[in-house]
Amino acid sequence: MNSLKQRLFTNWHLVRVMRLGIGIMLIVMGVQSKDWAMGLFSIFFLYQAVTDTGCCGTQGCYAPPATRRSTNTINEQEAEYEEIK
């Protein structure tokens, strides 16, 4: 239960707020026009907003950030230079 509460109340960003707004707008329009298909379509946006998922799922298109490599790794060897006169 704690993770659900944490997921609902944290990490709100612009896209998540837009999904919530679109979902609410579509469900209101579906109820006003008595269109059940629009109501079902609005549930898709509301689900995405509440669970913070996208079309690919939670971090389905996630690419890890680039990390810096250390200057002295095991695979790297010191270069040897020879002065030519």
C-alpha atoms as a PDB file:
ATOM      1  CA  MET A   1       0.000   0.000   0.000  1.00  0.00           C
ATOM      2  CA  ASN A   2       2.884   2.335   0.759  1.00  0.00           C
ATOM      3  CA  SER A   3       4.350   2.023  -2.744  1.00  0.00           C
ATOM      4  CA  LEU A   4       0.955   2.808  -4.315  1.00  0.00           C
ATOM      5  CA  LYS A   5       0.641   5.912  -2.151  1.00  0.00           C
ATOM      6  CA  GLN A   6       4.191   6.916  -3.019  1.00  0.00           C
ATOM      7  CA  ARG A   7       3.565   6.402  -6.746  1.00  0.00           C
ATOM      8  CA  LEU A   8       0.376   8.493  -6.642  1.00  0.00           C
ATOM      9  CA  PHE A   9       1.818  11.487  -4.798  1.00  0.00           C
ATOM     10  CA  THR A  10       5.365  11.760  -6.156  1.00  0.00           C
ATOM     11  CA  ASN A  11       7.109  12.405  -9.467  1.00  0.00           C
ATOM     12  CA  TRP A  12       4.423  14.530 -11.120  1.00  0.00           C
ATOM     13  CA  HIS A  13       5.704  16.122 -14.327  1.00  0.00           C
ATOM     14  CA  LEU A  14       4.142  18.002 -17.221  1.00  0.00           C
ATOM     15  CA  VAL A  15       3.262  14.954 -19.328  1.00  0.00           C
ATOM     16  CA  ARG A  16       1.633  13.204 -16.380  1.00  0.00           C
ATOM     17  CA  VAL A  17      -0.485  16.272 -15.593  1.00  0.00           C
ATOM     18  CA  MET A  18      -1.462  16.549 -19.267  1.00  0.00           C
ATOM     19  CA  ARG A  19      -2.581  12.894 -19.313  1.00  0.00           C
ATOM     20  CA  LEU A  20      -4.701  13.517 -16.228  1.00  0.00           C
ATOM     21  CA  GLY A  21      -6.255  16.610 -17.808  1.00  0.00           C
ATOM     22  CA  ILE A  22      -6.997  14.811 -21.086  1.00  0.00           C
ATOM     23  CA  GLY A  23      -8.478  11.860 -19.195  1.00  0.00           C
ATOM     24  CA  ILE A  24     -10.757  14.064 -17.105  1.00  0.00           C
ATOM     25  CA  MET A  25     -11.799  16.084 -20.149  1.00  0.00           C
ATOM     26  CA  LEU A  26     -12.626  12.951 -22.153  1.00  0.00           C
ATOM     27  CA  ILE A  27     -14.589  11.315 -19.351  1.00  0.00           C
ATOM     28  CA  VAL A  28     -16.678  14.486 -18.885  1.00  0.00           C
ATOM     29  CA  MET A  29     -17.328  14.660 -22.637  1.00  0.00           C
ATOM     30  CA  GLY A  30     -18.199  10.952 -22.699  1.00  0.00           C
ATOM     31  CA  VAL A  31     -20.719  11.323 -19.884  1.00  0.00           C
ATOM     32  CA  GLN A  32     -22.275  14.431 -21.442  1.00  0.00           C
ATOM     33  CA  SER A  33     -22.666  12.833 -24.864  1.00  0.00           C
ATOM     34  CA  LYS A  34     -23.489   9.395 -23.417  1.00  0.00           C
ATOM     35  CA  ASP A  35     -20.699   7.878 -25.511  1.00  0.00           C
ATOM     36  CA  TRP A  36     -19.280   4.781 -23.814  1.00  0.00           C
ATOM     37  CA  ALA A  37     -16.378   4.483 -26.293  1.00  0.00           C
ATOM     38  CA  MET A  38     -15.033   7.899 -25.310  1.00  0.00           C
ATOM     39  CA  GLY A  39     -15.436   6.919 -21.669  1.00  0.00           C
ATOM     40  CA  LEU A  40     -13.322   3.810 -22.213  1.00  0.00           C
ATOM     41  CA  PHE A  41     -10.716   5.844 -24.094  1.00  0.00           C
ATOM     42  CA  SER A  42     -10.546   8.288 -21.175  1.00  0.00           C
ATOM     43  CA  ILE A  43      -9.827   5.414 -18.783  1.00  0.00           C
ATOM     44  CA  PHE A  44      -6.658   4.735 -20.797  1.00  0.00           C
ATOM     45  CA  PHE A  45      -5.376   8.282 -20.132  1.00  0.00           C
ATOM     46  CA  LEU A  46      -6.460   8.230 -16.493  1.00  0.00           C
ATOM     47  CA  TYR A  47      -4.655   4.926 -15.953  1.00  0.00           C
ATOM     48  CA  GLN A  48      -1.479   6.338 -17.476  1.00  0.00           C
ATOM     49  CA  ALA A  49      -1.668   9.445 -15.287  1.00  0.00           C
ATOM     50  CA  VAL A  50      -2.371   7.606 -12.024  1.00  0.00           C
ATOM     51  CA  THR A  51       0.223   4.867 -12.477  1.00  0.00           C
ATOM     52  CA  ASP A  52       2.815   7.079 -14.259  1.00  0.00           C
ATOM     53  CA  THR A  53       3.133   4.704 -17.195  1.00  0.00           C
ATOM     54  CA  GLY A  54       3.325   5.394 -20.892  1.00  0.00           C
ATOM     55  CA  CYS A  55       2.414   3.371 -23.915  1.00  0.00           C
ATOM     56  CA  CYS A  56       5.495   1.201 -23.365  1.00  0.00           C
ATOM     57  CA  GLY A  57       4.878   0.635 -19.655  1.00  0.00           C
ATOM     58  CA  THR A  58       6.959   1.747 -16.732  1.00  0.00           C
ATOM     59  CA  GLN A  59      10.302   2.866 -18.141  1.00  0.00           C
ATOM     60  CA  GLY A  60       9.784   0.696 -21.222  1.00  0.00           C
ATOM     61  CA  CYS A  61      11.769   3.108 -23.394  1.00  0.00           C
ATOM     62  CA  TYR A  62      14.199   3.963 -20.624  1.00  0.00           C
ATOM     63  CA  ALA A  63      17.825   4.519 -21.597  1.00  0.00           C
ATOM     64  CA  PRO A  64      20.277   4.634 -18.694  1.00  0.00           C
ATOM     65  CA  PRO A  65      22.282   7.837 -18.381  1.00  0.00           C
ATOM     66  CA  ALA A  66      25.840   7.754 -19.617  1.00  0.00           C
ATOM     67  CA  THR A  67      28.356   7.160 -16.873  1.00  0.00           C
ATOM     68  CA  ARG A  68      31.882   8.460 -16.759  1.00  0.00           C
ATOM     69  CA  ARG A  69      34.603   5.931 -17.110  1.00  0.00           C
ATOM     70  CA  SER A  70      37.487   6.000 -14.740  1.00  0.00           C
ATOM     71  CA  THR A  71      40.826   7.016 -16.246  1.00  0.00           C
ATOM     72  CA  ASN A  72      42.628   3.939 -14.917  1.00  0.00           C
ATOM     73  CA  THR A  73      40.573   0.914 -15.849  1.00  0.00           C
ATOM     74  CA  ILE A  74      41.911  -2.608 -16.127  1.00  0.00           C
ATOM     75  CA  ASN A  75      41.523  -2.750 -19.917  1.00  0.00           C
ATOM     76  CA  GLU A  76      43.440   0.445 -20.562  1.00  0.00           C
ATOM     77  CA  GLN A  77      47.192   0.314 -20.836  1.00  0.00           C
ATOM     78  CA  GLU A  78      49.646   3.127 -20.380  1.00  0.00           C
ATOM     79  CA  ALA A  79      50.964   4.434 -23.687  1.00  0.00           C
ATOM     80  CA  GLU A  80      54.709   4.298 -24.138  1.00  0.00           C
ATOM     81  CA  TYR A  81      56.320   7.086 -26.084  1.00  0.00           C
ATOM     82  CA  GLU A  82      59.788   7.063 -27.608  1.00  0.00           C
ATOM     83  CA  GLU A  83      61.450  10.297 -28.523  1.00  0.00           C
ATOM     84  CA  ILE A  84      62.897  10.346 -32.033  1.00  0.00           C
ATOM     85  CA  LYS A  85      65.747  12.758 -32.782  1.00  0.00           C
END
